[in-house]
Amino acid sequence: MLDWIHEATRLRASVWFPLCVVVTMSTGTAAQEQATAASHAGHAQVPPPSASAPASPARPGELPEMIKKPIALMPKALGPYTRAISSNNAEAQAFFTQGIQMMFAFAKADAIRSFRAAWSADPACAICHWGEAWAWGSYLNGKMDAEDAPFAYASSRTALSLKAKASPVERDYIDALAVRYVKDFDPEKRRVQDEAYAESTRRLSEKYPDDMDARTLYAEALFLLEPRKGRRDVNAPNIQRLHGVLEGILARDPKHPGACHLYVHATESTVRPDKAEACAEYLGKSIPGASHINHMPSHTWNEVGRWGDSVRSNLDAVHSDMKADVGEGFAIYPEHNLHMLLYAASMDGQGAIATTAGRDYARRAKDTMYQVLTLIRFGRFEEVLEVKPRPNRPIPAGLWDFAQGYAYLRTGQADMAKVYLARVRKGAETPKAEFRDHPANRLLGLAADLLDGEILRDEKQLDAAIARFESAVAQDDALEYDEPEPLPFPARHWLGAALIEAGRFADAERVYREDLEQHPRNGWSLLGLRQALEGQGRKDAAIDADLEKAWARADTWTRSSRF
């Protein structure tokens, strides 16, 4: 079914303030239940669709409970974007606007509920049923499955049955979507419908060249034909076509939230993530109460080294996740927002925010992996040893073991460090275990090499330690593209530090420059680079200036690129 995990497990997050260290957290009902509670004054409430709604084809299966729940109108959480529809019902228009903004924000469940509320207010609103049909379908973060397909098909058929009452452009929208769904959906043949839909939206966008929404639908349809993950080649014809469509929209409307959202994703894993900077400047505020939109600019900021801006974007996202608990926002991927926050803050030297985000991630996800990894990043080893419980899943458990072993080593208990190293090595052999598509042998192999290297370094076996760190770097480089990366620190920070200790300053310079190619403007590597240059009797005023700027928000003092 739809990615209900993100919709149905919304717990109250901690109260976040910039540069705040002391944070509290309480449990409560799911955010959507809070958002629709009748006691929340000022928000229109809509009952479930009534018997007066137009008859639809039979819908196999029961509507998910989350979709059955009424949704509030939350105008303060929405942005200025709107699309006028032919309905004269103001409530239908308002909920339609909310629905389309939620689709631009990837909040599928909220979008479906909003579109259903729109046609509940005006049962004859064909474009409102089109909206529901669109929302049931595939989107960039998830393919439509066999359980959702009947709802998409039924909504599309209802829109078709009512289209005589729609405006001409709405009738064309409805016809364009109709080819996307079939009565007997076979997931194995999804691409046939996806390609037909891309062609129908192309024709729609060409018929209405001044309609940026039609062009955005075409761009989305093209994007859905591409692999979701991995690096993208800007010279590939299909990527050039996708970029061309999105750039054409943004040239006309640089504040279109749907087009900019797609453009950030379409550029982040290319060699030109900077192309999305202009629209990303606005995107985070374009739907102010939608946490995923608040967060989205950080996909660009991380790639271009704007770590402080990434922290700010994800703090805004966490705030929106909190506001959802009181009916003033839309919580979308709250765990991902915390993950990106702890990652960006770790790269930016903001230890208080990184470790607090790691702790809150543990509370929300019931997984202490990032709690201990952020503490390792900032050298808080005694605290690592206090963190319980050990996660249940193989890879998080292995990374928890890595952190325990590292902390034991740093607190003078090398024998215990070796015990945990053995556990990490064993975990790396777990067949078929993955974390965000990263296999155990690679991710835990990387962690084991870091810990092993530090144990060898502690034993004064520096050459052997460097070999282990080189192995860790090779495995780090072999990881699939992911945003954020699975670990809140690059392996090169360990290799570079060991090379400096060995007096191999030219090699250290190379390693840190490589890391700055991958993680621009990060203070850890700028510090290491300055040390590597000094070891060669060189100074670079530009590096000094970059380091001062990179560490401007840091609350951490360190003599090395790793603790």
Protein backbone atom coordinates (compact mmCIF):
# COMPACT_ATOMS: atom_id res chain seq x y z
CA MET A 1 0.00 0.00 0.00
CA LEU A 2 0.99 3.65 0.08
CA ASP A 3 4.02 4.38 2.22
CA TRP A 4 1.89 4.42 5.35
CA ILE A 5 4.91 4.06 7.58
CA HIS A 6 5.63 7.74 7.22
CA GLU A 7 1.99 8.68 7.68
CA ALA A 8 0.95 6.41 10.52
CA THR A 9 3.95 6.53 12.85
CA ARG A 10 4.11 10.24 13.51
CA LEU A 11 5.12 10.66 17.11
CA ARG A 12 5.72 13.98 18.73
CA ALA A 13 9.25 15.14 18.11
CA SER A 14 11.44 17.08 20.50
CA VAL A 15 11.07 20.83 20.76
CA TRP A 16 13.81 22.08 18.49
CA PHE A 17 15.37 25.50 18.54
CA PRO A 18 18.51 26.54 16.68
CA LEU A 19 21.62 25.79 18.72
CA CYS A 20 19.51 24.26 21.48
CA VAL A 21 21.06 21.45 23.48
CA VAL A 22 18.45 20.60 26.10
CA VAL A 23 15.46 19.02 24.39
CA THR A 24 12.39 17.25 25.69
CA MET A 25 10.11 14.76 24.05
CA SER A 26 6.72 13.34 24.87
CA THR A 27 4.67 10.66 23.26
CA GLY A 28 1.24 11.36 21.86
CA THR A 29 -1.27 10.45 19.22
CA ALA A 30 -0.40 10.41 15.56
CA ALA A 31 -0.06 13.83 14.01
CA GLN A 32 -2.88 13.33 11.59
CA GLU A 33 -5.25 12.43 14.41
CA GLN A 34 -4.15 15.56 16.22
CA ALA A 35 -4.57 17.58 13.05
CA THR A 36 -8.17 16.52 12.62
CA ALA A 37 -9.35 16.67 16.21
CA ALA A 38 -12.58 18.61 16.43
CA SER A 39 -11.26 20.71 19.27
CA HIS A 40 -8.77 22.46 17.00
CA ALA A 41 -10.62 25.68 16.33
CA GLY A 42 -10.06 27.57 13.11
CA HIS A 43 -9.70 24.52 10.86
CA ALA A 44 -12.58 23.43 8.66
CA GLN A 45 -13.58 19.83 9.23
CA VAL A 46 -14.95 17.60 6.52
CA PRO A 47 -16.91 14.40 7.11
CA PRO A 48 -16.11 11.28 5.15
CA PRO A 49 -17.66 11.30 1.64
CA SER A 50 -21.40 10.92 1.97
CA ALA A 51 -23.96 8.83 0.16
CA SER A 52 -24.76 11.82 -2.03
CA ALA A 53 -21.39 11.47 -3.75
CA PRO A 54 -21.51 10.14 -7.31
CA ALA A 55 -21.53 6.40 -7.72
CA SER A 56 -18.14 4.89 -8.51
CA PRO A 57 -17.17 1.50 -9.84
CA ALA A 58 -16.70 -1.16 -7.21
CA ARG A 59 -13.53 -0.63 -5.24
CA PRO A 60 -11.87 -3.90 -4.22
CA GLY A 61 -10.47 -3.84 -0.75
CA GLU A 62 -11.12 -1.58 2.19
CA LEU A 63 -9.89 1.99 2.30
CA PRO A 64 -6.92 2.28 4.65
CA GLU A 65 -7.92 3.68 8.02
CA MET A 66 -5.68 6.71 7.52
CA ILE A 67 -7.60 7.66 4.37
CA LYS A 68 -10.94 7.28 6.12
CA LYS A 69 -10.02 9.93 8.66
CA PRO A 70 -11.27 13.44 7.84
CA ILE A 71 -8.61 16.07 7.20
CA ALA A 72 -8.55 19.69 8.27
CA LEU A 73 -8.11 22.65 5.98
CA MET A 74 -4.84 24.23 7.09
CA PRO A 75 -4.37 27.43 5.08
CA LYS A 76 -1.59 28.71 7.35
CA ALA A 77 0.47 25.65 6.48
CA LEU A 78 0.04 26.18 2.74
CA GLY A 79 1.86 28.42 0.31
CA PRO A 80 0.60 30.91 -2.29
CA TYR A 81 0.34 28.34 -5.08
CA THR A 82 -3.20 27.70 -6.29
CA ARG A 83 -4.97 26.32 -9.33
CA ALA A 84 -8.45 27.59 -10.05
CA ILE A 85 -10.99 24.87 -10.78
CA SER A 86 -14.42 24.99 -12.37
CA SER A 87 -16.30 24.24 -9.16
CA ASN A 88 -18.14 27.18 -7.63
CA ASN A 89 -17.85 25.62 -4.19
CA ALA A 90 -15.25 27.52 -2.15
CA GLU A 91 -14.58 24.58 0.13
CA ALA A 92 -13.96 22.28 -2.83
CA GLN A 93 -11.51 24.81 -4.26
CA ALA A 94 -9.69 25.15 -0.93
CA PHE A 95 -9.32 21.41 -0.44
CA PHE A 96 -8.26 20.94 -4.07
CA THR A 97 -5.51 23.53 -3.55
CA GLN A 98 -4.42 21.73 -0.39
CA GLY A 99 -4.43 18.41 -2.22
CA ILE A 100 -2.28 19.55 -5.09
CA GLN A 101 0.19 21.23 -2.73
CA MET A 102 0.41 18.00 -0.76
CA MET A 103 1.20 16.11 -3.96
CA PHE A 104 3.96 18.60 -4.71
CA ALA A 105 5.19 17.90 -1.15
CA PHE A 106 5.02 14.09 -1.60
CA ALA A 107 2.42 13.83 1.17
CA LYS A 108 0.31 11.28 -0.67
CA ALA A 109 -2.06 10.29 2.12
CA ASP A 110 -2.78 13.92 2.96
CA ALA A 111 -3.30 14.64 -0.73
CA ILE A 112 -5.78 11.78 -1.16
CA ARG A 113 -7.72 12.88 1.91
CA SER A 114 -7.76 16.49 0.70
CA PHE A 115 -9.02 15.58 -2.78
CA ARG A 116 -11.69 13.34 -1.25
CA ALA A 117 -12.73 16.24 0.96
CA ALA A 118 -12.91 18.44 -2.15
CA TRP A 119 -15.31 16.14 -3.99
CA SER A 120 -17.25 15.56 -0.79
CA ALA A 121 -17.91 19.31 -0.75
CA ASP A 122 -18.87 19.24 -4.45
CA PRO A 123 -19.75 15.70 -5.60
CA ALA A 124 -19.94 16.83 -9.24
CA CYS A 125 -16.37 18.18 -9.24
CA ALA A 126 -14.72 16.01 -11.88
CA ILE A 127 -11.26 17.53 -11.43
CA CYS A 128 -11.44 16.75 -7.70
CA HIS A 129 -11.81 13.06 -8.58
CA TRP A 130 -8.94 13.49 -11.05
CA GLY A 131 -6.87 14.74 -8.12
CA GLU A 132 -7.64 11.67 -6.04
CA ALA A 133 -6.80 9.40 -8.98
CA TRP A 134 -3.48 11.20 -9.51
CA ALA A 135 -2.63 10.89 -5.82
CA TRP A 136 -3.24 7.13 -5.71
CA GLY A 137 -0.71 6.59 -8.49
CA SER A 138 3.04 6.24 -8.52
CA TYR A 139 5.20 9.10 -7.36
CA LEU A 140 8.94 9.60 -7.17
CA ASN A 141 9.33 7.90 -3.81
CA GLY A 142 7.04 4.95 -4.40
CA LYS A 143 5.44 2.93 -7.16
CA MET A 144 1.72 2.22 -7.18
CA ASP A 145 1.04 -1.36 -6.14
CA ALA A 146 -1.78 -3.80 -6.80
CA GLU A 147 -3.64 -2.78 -3.64
CA ASP A 148 -3.72 0.92 -4.49
CA ALA A 149 -4.42 0.45 -8.19
CA PRO A 150 -8.19 -0.21 -7.87
CA PHE A 151 -8.68 3.08 -6.02
CA ALA A 152 -6.73 4.95 -8.69
CA TYR A 153 -8.72 3.31 -11.48
CA ALA A 154 -12.08 3.92 -9.81
CA SER A 155 -11.32 7.58 -9.15
CA SER A 156 -10.19 8.05 -12.73
CA ARG A 157 -13.39 6.42 -14.03
CA THR A 158 -15.49 8.68 -11.82
CA ALA A 159 -13.68 11.73 -13.16
CA LEU A 160 -14.36 10.54 -16.71
CA SER A 161 -18.04 10.04 -15.94
CA LEU A 162 -18.32 13.64 -14.69
CA LYS A 163 -16.08 15.41 -17.18
CA ALA A 164 -18.97 16.87 -19.19
CA LYS A 165 -19.41 19.29 -16.28
CA ALA A 166 -15.72 20.25 -16.26
CA SER A 167 -13.92 23.01 -18.12
CA PRO A 168 -12.17 22.14 -21.40
CA VAL A 169 -8.70 22.10 -19.83
CA GLU A 170 -9.96 19.94 -16.97
CA ARG A 171 -11.43 17.48 -19.45
CA ASP A 172 -8.03 17.22 -21.10
CA TYR A 173 -6.36 16.64 -17.72
CA ILE A 174 -8.85 13.86 -17.00
CA ASP A 175 -8.30 12.23 -20.38
CA ALA A 176 -4.52 12.44 -20.01
CA LEU A 177 -4.62 10.63 -16.68
CA ALA A 178 -7.09 7.96 -17.83
CA VAL A 179 -4.42 6.08 -19.80
CA ARG A 180 -2.36 5.64 -16.63
CA TYR A 181 -4.71 3.13 -15.01
CA VAL A 182 -6.28 -0.14 -16.13
CA LYS A 183 -8.94 -2.25 -14.48
CA ASP A 184 -6.73 -5.30 -14.02
CA PHE A 185 -3.40 -3.81 -12.99
CA ASP A 186 -0.30 -5.95 -13.26
CA PRO A 187 2.72 -4.41 -11.46
CA GLU A 188 5.04 -6.32 -13.80
CA LYS A 189 3.57 -4.41 -16.75
CA ARG A 190 3.50 -1.03 -15.03
CA ARG A 191 5.92 0.52 -17.49
CA VAL A 192 3.41 0.15 -20.32
CA GLN A 193 1.00 2.45 -18.49
CA ASP A 194 3.82 4.73 -17.32
CA GLU A 195 5.04 5.25 -20.88
CA ALA A 196 1.50 5.86 -22.13
CA TYR A 197 1.01 8.41 -19.36
CA ALA A 198 4.26 10.18 -20.22
CA GLU A 199 3.10 10.47 -23.82
CA SER A 200 -0.36 11.74 -22.84
CA THR A 201 1.10 14.38 -20.52
CA ARG A 202 3.52 15.43 -23.27
CA ARG A 203 0.55 16.09 -25.53
CA LEU A 204 -1.24 17.88 -22.70
CA SER A 205 1.76 20.14 -22.05
CA GLU A 206 2.11 20.95 -25.74
CA LYS A 207 -1.57 21.81 -26.03
CA TYR A 208 -1.28 24.15 -23.02
CA PRO A 209 2.27 25.53 -23.21
CA ASP A 210 1.45 28.31 -20.74
CA ASP A 211 0.14 25.86 -18.14
CA MET A 212 3.07 25.14 -15.84
CA ASP A 213 1.11 22.45 -13.99
CA ALA A 214 0.60 20.46 -17.19
CA ARG A 215 4.30 20.73 -17.91
CA THR A 216 5.12 19.65 -14.35
CA LEU A 217 2.93 16.56 -14.76
CA TYR A 218 4.89 15.75 -17.91
CA ALA A 219 8.20 16.18 -16.08
CA GLU A 220 7.01 13.94 -13.26
CA ALA A 221 5.90 11.30 -15.77
CA LEU A 222 9.32 11.38 -17.43
CA PHE A 223 11.06 11.12 -14.08
CA LEU A 224 9.01 8.05 -13.17
CA LEU A 225 10.53 6.26 -16.16
CA GLU A 226 14.01 6.67 -14.64
CA PRO A 227 15.65 4.58 -11.92
CA ARG A 228 14.92 6.27 -8.61
CA LYS A 229 18.41 5.93 -7.16
CA GLY A 230 21.95 6.21 -8.42
CA ARG A 231 24.08 8.80 -10.13
CA ARG A 232 22.63 10.55 -13.18
CA ASP A 233 24.57 11.47 -16.30
CA VAL A 234 23.75 15.03 -17.36
CA ASN A 235 24.75 14.12 -20.92
CA ALA A 236 22.29 11.23 -21.21
CA PRO A 237 19.48 12.15 -23.66
CA ASN A 238 16.69 11.19 -21.26
CA ILE A 239 18.20 13.27 -18.44
CA GLN A 240 18.72 16.21 -20.78
CA ARG A 241 15.07 15.94 -21.82
CA LEU A 242 13.92 15.84 -18.19
CA HIS A 243 16.13 18.77 -17.22
CA GLY A 244 14.98 20.69 -20.27
CA VAL A 245 11.31 20.34 -19.35
CA LEU A 246 11.92 21.39 -15.75
CA GLU A 247 14.21 24.27 -16.69
CA GLY A 248 11.58 25.52 -19.12
CA ILE A 249 9.00 25.60 -16.33
CA LEU A 250 11.33 27.31 -13.86
CA ALA A 251 12.34 29.91 -16.43
CA ARG A 252 8.67 30.91 -16.56
CA ASP A 253 7.84 30.32 -12.90
CA PRO A 254 10.92 29.96 -10.66
CA LYS A 255 8.67 29.54 -7.62
CA HIS A 256 6.66 26.57 -8.85
CA PRO A 257 6.91 24.17 -5.87
CA GLY A 258 6.24 21.01 -7.84
CA ALA A 259 8.75 21.75 -10.58
CA CYS A 260 11.48 22.89 -8.19
CA HIS A 261 11.00 19.83 -5.97
CA LEU A 262 11.50 17.58 -8.99
CA TYR A 263 14.45 19.66 -10.24
CA VAL A 264 16.31 19.31 -6.94
CA HIS A 265 15.93 15.54 -7.18
CA ALA A 266 16.83 15.54 -10.87
CA THR A 267 20.11 17.41 -10.30
CA GLU A 268 21.31 16.33 -6.85
CA SER A 269 23.03 13.15 -8.05
CA THR A 270 24.61 14.75 -11.12
CA VAL A 271 27.84 16.71 -11.47
CA ARG A 272 25.74 19.90 -11.51
CA PRO A 273 23.65 20.00 -8.32
CA ASP A 274 24.26 23.76 -8.25
CA LYS A 275 21.78 24.19 -11.10
CA ALA A 276 18.95 23.88 -8.57
CA GLU A 277 20.31 26.46 -6.12
CA ALA A 278 18.20 29.34 -7.43
CA CYS A 279 14.84 27.63 -7.02
CA ALA A 280 15.93 25.85 -3.83
CA GLU A 281 16.37 29.25 -2.18
CA TYR A 282 12.58 29.62 -2.29
CA LEU A 283 11.44 26.01 -2.20
CA GLY A 284 11.74 25.47 1.55
CA LYS A 285 9.19 28.20 2.26
CA SER A 286 6.92 27.51 -0.71
CA ILE A 287 4.61 25.29 1.38
CA PRO A 288 5.65 26.45 4.85
CA GLY A 289 3.88 23.79 6.90
CA ALA A 290 4.95 20.77 4.82
CA SER A 291 8.04 19.30 6.41
CA HIS A 292 9.34 17.52 3.32
CA ILE A 293 9.27 20.78 1.37
CA ASN A 294 11.06 22.57 4.23
CA HIS A 295 13.71 19.86 4.08
CA MET A 296 14.10 19.56 0.30
CA PRO A 297 16.63 22.37 -0.30
CA SER A 298 19.09 20.43 1.85
CA HIS A 299 19.40 17.86 -0.95
CA THR A 300 21.04 20.65 -2.93
CA TRP A 301 22.83 22.32 -0.01
CA ASN A 302 24.62 19.09 0.95
CA GLU A 303 25.91 18.56 -2.57
CA VAL A 304 27.30 22.09 -2.89
CA GLY A 305 28.62 22.32 0.67
CA ARG A 306 26.11 24.74 2.18
CA TRP A 307 26.01 22.78 5.42
CA GLY A 308 24.65 25.56 7.60
CA ASP A 309 21.76 26.10 5.21
CA SER A 310 21.11 22.37 5.25
CA VAL A 311 20.90 22.41 9.04
CA ARG A 312 18.47 25.33 8.89
CA SER A 313 16.26 23.62 6.30
CA ASN A 314 16.00 20.47 8.38
CA LEU A 315 15.37 22.36 11.61
CA ASP A 316 12.44 23.98 9.80
CA ALA A 317 11.28 20.52 8.72
CA VAL A 318 11.45 19.17 12.27
CA HIS A 319 9.45 22.19 13.45
CA SER A 320 6.74 21.42 10.88
CA ASP A 321 6.67 17.80 12.02
CA MET A 322 6.03 19.09 15.53
CA LYS A 323 3.35 21.52 14.37
CA ALA A 324 1.53 18.62 12.74
CA ASP A 325 0.85 17.29 16.23
CA VAL A 326 -1.35 20.30 16.92
CA GLY A 327 -2.99 20.52 13.51
CA GLU A 328 -0.79 23.28 12.12
CA GLY A 329 1.38 21.39 9.69
CA PHE A 330 1.98 18.25 7.67
CA ALA A 331 4.50 15.69 8.93
CA ILE A 332 6.20 14.02 5.96
CA TYR A 333 9.10 11.58 6.42
CA PRO A 334 9.96 12.82 9.95
CA GLU A 335 12.70 10.23 10.45
CA HIS A 336 14.34 11.26 7.19
CA ASN A 337 14.28 14.89 8.32
CA LEU A 338 16.10 13.98 11.53
CA HIS A 339 18.55 11.81 9.60
CA MET A 340 19.39 14.66 7.25
CA LEU A 341 19.63 17.08 10.18
CA LEU A 342 22.10 14.96 12.13
CA TYR A 343 24.14 14.35 8.97
CA ALA A 344 24.38 18.02 7.97
CA ALA A 345 25.09 19.15 11.52
CA SER A 346 27.82 16.51 11.79
CA MET A 347 29.47 17.80 8.62
CA ASP A 348 29.09 21.39 9.86
CA GLY A 349 30.72 20.78 13.25
CA GLN A 350 27.48 21.52 15.10
CA GLY A 351 27.77 18.84 17.74
CA ALA A 352 24.88 19.95 19.95
CA ILE A 353 22.37 19.77 17.13
CA ALA A 354 23.83 16.60 15.61
CA THR A 355 23.81 14.60 18.84
CA THR A 356 20.38 15.87 19.85
CA ALA A 357 19.01 14.92 16.44
CA GLY A 358 20.62 11.51 16.86
CA ARG A 359 18.91 11.09 20.20
CA ASP A 360 15.56 12.16 18.81
CA TYR A 361 16.00 9.83 15.85
CA ALA A 362 16.47 7.00 18.35
CA ARG A 363 13.26 7.94 20.14
CA ARG A 364 11.24 8.22 16.96
CA ALA A 365 12.68 5.26 15.06
CA LYS A 366 13.29 3.05 18.10
CA ASP A 367 16.85 2.64 16.84
CA THR A 368 19.95 3.92 18.67
CA MET A 369 22.32 3.61 15.70
CA TYR A 370 22.52 7.30 14.86
CA GLN A 371 22.54 8.30 18.50
CA VAL A 372 25.86 6.51 19.00
CA LEU A 373 27.32 7.42 15.60
CA THR A 374 26.83 11.15 16.18
CA LEU A 375 28.42 10.81 19.62
CA ILE A 376 31.42 9.09 18.00
CA ARG A 377 31.69 11.90 15.44
CA PHE A 378 32.07 14.42 18.26
CA GLY A 379 34.23 12.41 20.62
CA ARG A 380 31.68 11.86 23.38
CA PHE A 381 32.83 8.35 24.16
CA GLU A 382 31.60 7.91 27.73
CA GLU A 383 28.08 8.76 26.56
CA VAL A 384 28.28 6.13 23.83
CA LEU A 385 28.80 3.43 26.44
CA GLU A 386 25.61 4.51 28.22
CA VAL A 387 23.34 4.22 25.17
CA LYS A 388 20.97 1.26 25.22
CA PRO A 389 19.42 -0.84 23.79
CA ARG A 390 21.36 -2.43 20.97
CA PRO A 391 19.21 -2.24 17.80
CA ASN A 392 17.53 -5.39 16.54
CA ARG A 393 18.22 -5.16 12.81
CA PRO A 394 21.58 -6.55 11.63
CA ILE A 395 23.18 -3.42 10.18
CA PRO A 396 22.08 -0.95 12.88
CA ALA A 397 23.19 -3.52 15.46
CA GLY A 398 26.57 -3.81 13.75
CA LEU A 399 27.04 -0.04 13.68
CA TRP A 400 26.08 0.14 17.36
CA ASP A 401 28.77 -2.50 17.99
CA PHE A 402 31.25 -0.38 16.03
CA ALA A 403 30.47 2.63 18.20
CA GLN A 404 30.77 0.62 21.41
CA GLY A 405 34.12 -0.79 20.33
CA TYR A 406 35.40 2.63 19.30
CA ALA A 407 34.31 4.15 22.61
CA TYR A 408 35.94 1.35 24.60
CA LEU A 409 39.18 1.91 22.69
CA ARG A 410 39.12 5.64 23.35
CA THR A 411 38.47 5.07 27.05
CA GLY A 412 41.46 2.77 27.41
CA GLN A 413 39.74 -0.62 27.12
CA ALA A 414 41.37 -2.07 24.00
CA ASP A 415 40.43 -5.66 24.85
CA MET A 416 36.74 -4.76 24.83
CA ALA A 417 37.26 -2.90 21.56
CA LYS A 418 38.51 -6.12 19.99
CA VAL A 419 35.47 -8.01 21.27
CA TYR A 420 33.20 -5.54 19.50
CA LEU A 421 35.36 -5.55 16.38
CA ALA A 422 34.73 -9.29 16.11
CA ARG A 423 31.00 -8.64 16.37
CA VAL A 424 31.12 -6.06 13.59
CA ARG A 425 33.10 -8.44 11.36
CA LYS A 426 30.56 -11.18 12.01
CA GLY A 427 27.69 -8.81 11.26
CA ALA A 428 29.30 -7.92 7.94
CA GLU A 429 28.79 -11.53 6.90
CA THR A 430 25.01 -11.38 7.40
CA PRO A 431 23.49 -12.49 4.07
CA LYS A 432 20.93 -10.26 2.37
CA ALA A 433 20.98 -7.66 5.18
CA GLU A 434 20.63 -4.11 3.84
CA PHE A 435 20.19 -0.60 5.18
CA ARG A 436 18.78 1.87 2.64
CA ASP A 437 20.00 -0.49 -0.11
CA HIS A 438 23.53 -0.65 1.34
CA PRO A 439 24.59 -4.28 1.95
CA ALA A 440 25.99 -5.41 5.28
CA ASN A 441 29.30 -6.59 3.86
CA ARG A 442 30.05 -3.11 2.55
CA LEU A 443 28.64 -0.86 5.26
CA LEU A 444 29.72 -2.97 8.22
CA GLY A 445 32.94 -3.87 6.42
CA LEU A 446 33.69 -0.15 6.21
CA ALA A 447 32.94 0.34 9.92
CA ALA A 448 35.02 -2.69 10.88
CA ASP A 449 38.00 -1.34 8.95
CA LEU A 450 37.73 2.02 10.72
CA LEU A 451 37.67 0.36 14.13
CA ASP A 452 40.39 -2.13 13.20
CA GLY A 453 42.54 0.70 11.90
CA GLU A 454 42.19 2.64 15.14
CA ILE A 455 43.07 -0.47 17.19
CA LEU A 456 46.20 -0.97 15.06
CA ARG A 457 47.08 2.70 15.37
CA ASP A 458 46.71 2.42 19.15
CA GLU A 459 49.18 -0.48 18.99
CA LYS A 460 51.67 1.71 17.06
CA GLN A 461 51.17 -0.32 13.87
CA LEU A 462 50.63 2.78 11.77
CA ASP A 463 51.32 1.27 8.34
CA ALA A 464 48.82 -1.53 8.99
CA ALA A 465 46.32 1.03 10.27
CA ILE A 466 46.67 3.08 7.10
CA ALA A 467 46.01 -0.04 5.03
CA ARG A 468 42.79 -0.62 6.96
CA PHE A 469 41.70 2.99 6.45
CA GLU A 470 42.44 2.71 2.73
CA SER A 471 40.17 -0.33 2.64
CA ALA A 472 37.47 1.65 4.45
CA VAL A 473 37.76 4.46 1.90
CA ALA A 474 37.42 2.00 -0.98
CA GLN A 475 34.24 0.61 0.54
CA ASP A 476 32.94 4.11 1.26
CA ASP A 477 33.46 5.05 -2.38
CA ALA A 478 31.65 1.88 -3.48
CA LEU A 479 28.45 2.76 -1.60
CA GLU A 480 25.45 3.64 -3.72
CA TYR A 481 24.51 7.30 -3.97
CA ASP A 482 22.29 8.15 -1.03
CA GLU A 483 21.04 11.39 0.48
CA PRO A 484 22.05 11.58 3.14
CA GLU A 485 24.91 9.13 3.23
CA PRO A 486 24.41 6.24 5.66
CA LEU A 487 27.26 7.32 7.96
CA PRO A 488 27.60 10.86 9.39
CA PHE A 489 31.32 10.91 8.62
CA PRO A 490 33.48 9.99 5.59
CA ALA A 491 36.21 7.36 5.90
CA ARG A 492 38.75 9.78 4.43
CA HIS A 493 38.68 11.74 7.67
CA TRP A 494 40.38 8.71 9.30
CA LEU A 495 42.79 8.00 6.47
CA GLY A 496 43.90 11.61 6.22
CA ALA A 497 44.54 11.86 9.96
CA ALA A 498 46.63 8.68 9.94
CA LEU A 499 48.68 9.88 6.96
CA ILE A 500 49.45 13.12 8.77
CA GLU A 501 50.52 11.15 11.83
CA ALA A 502 52.80 9.10 9.59
CA GLY A 503 54.35 12.25 8.12
CA ARG A 504 52.95 11.47 4.67
CA PHE A 505 51.73 15.00 4.16
CA ALA A 506 51.47 14.97 0.36
CA ASP A 507 49.33 11.83 0.51
CA ALA A 508 47.19 13.43 3.22
CA GLU A 509 46.74 16.51 1.04
CA ARG A 510 45.50 14.33 -1.81
CA VAL A 511 43.05 12.49 0.47
CA TYR A 512 41.58 15.68 1.90
CA ARG A 513 41.24 17.28 -1.51
CA GLU A 514 39.41 14.17 -2.70
CA ASP A 515 37.05 14.44 0.24
CA LEU A 516 36.40 18.11 -0.48
CA GLU A 517 35.41 17.11 -4.00
CA GLN A 518 32.81 14.78 -2.52
CA HIS A 519 31.83 16.92 0.48
CA PRO A 520 32.57 20.54 -0.45
CA ARG A 521 33.49 23.06 2.24
CA ASN A 522 33.41 20.65 5.16
CA GLY A 523 35.53 21.95 8.01
CA TRP A 524 36.94 18.56 8.99
CA SER A 525 38.75 18.14 5.68
CA LEU A 526 39.67 21.81 5.44
CA LEU A 527 41.37 21.47 8.83
CA GLY A 528 43.18 18.34 7.67
CA LEU A 529 44.17 19.99 4.42
CA ARG A 530 45.67 22.95 6.24
CA GLN A 531 47.66 20.59 8.46
CA ALA A 532 48.84 18.62 5.42
CA LEU A 533 50.02 21.81 3.73
CA GLU A 534 51.77 23.01 6.88
CA GLY A 535 53.57 19.68 7.05
CA GLN A 536 54.99 20.44 3.62
CA GLY A 537 56.03 23.94 4.65
CA ARG A 538 53.20 25.54 2.67
CA LYS A 539 50.47 27.97 3.56
CA ASP A 540 47.33 28.82 1.61
CA ALA A 541 45.38 31.89 2.68
CA ALA A 542 42.34 30.74 0.71
CA ILE A 543 42.22 27.45 2.63
CA ASP A 544 42.51 29.35 5.91
CA ALA A 545 39.62 31.61 4.89
CA ASP A 546 37.51 28.66 3.78
CA LEU A 547 38.14 26.89 7.08
CA GLU A 548 37.17 29.94 9.11
CA LYS A 549 33.96 30.27 7.12
CA ALA A 550 33.18 26.54 7.28
CA TRP A 551 33.62 26.40 11.06
CA ALA A 552 31.70 29.64 11.71
CA ARG A 553 28.75 27.74 13.20
CA ALA A 554 30.75 24.92 14.79
CA ASP A 555 30.56 24.34 18.53
CA THR A 556 33.42 21.85 18.34
CA TRP A 557 37.16 22.27 18.80
CA THR A 558 39.31 19.54 17.37
CA ARG A 559 42.94 19.01 16.44
CA SER A 560 42.16 16.34 13.87
CA SER A 561 39.64 15.38 11.21
CA ARG A 562 38.42 12.63 13.52
CA PHE A 563 38.24 12.10 17.27
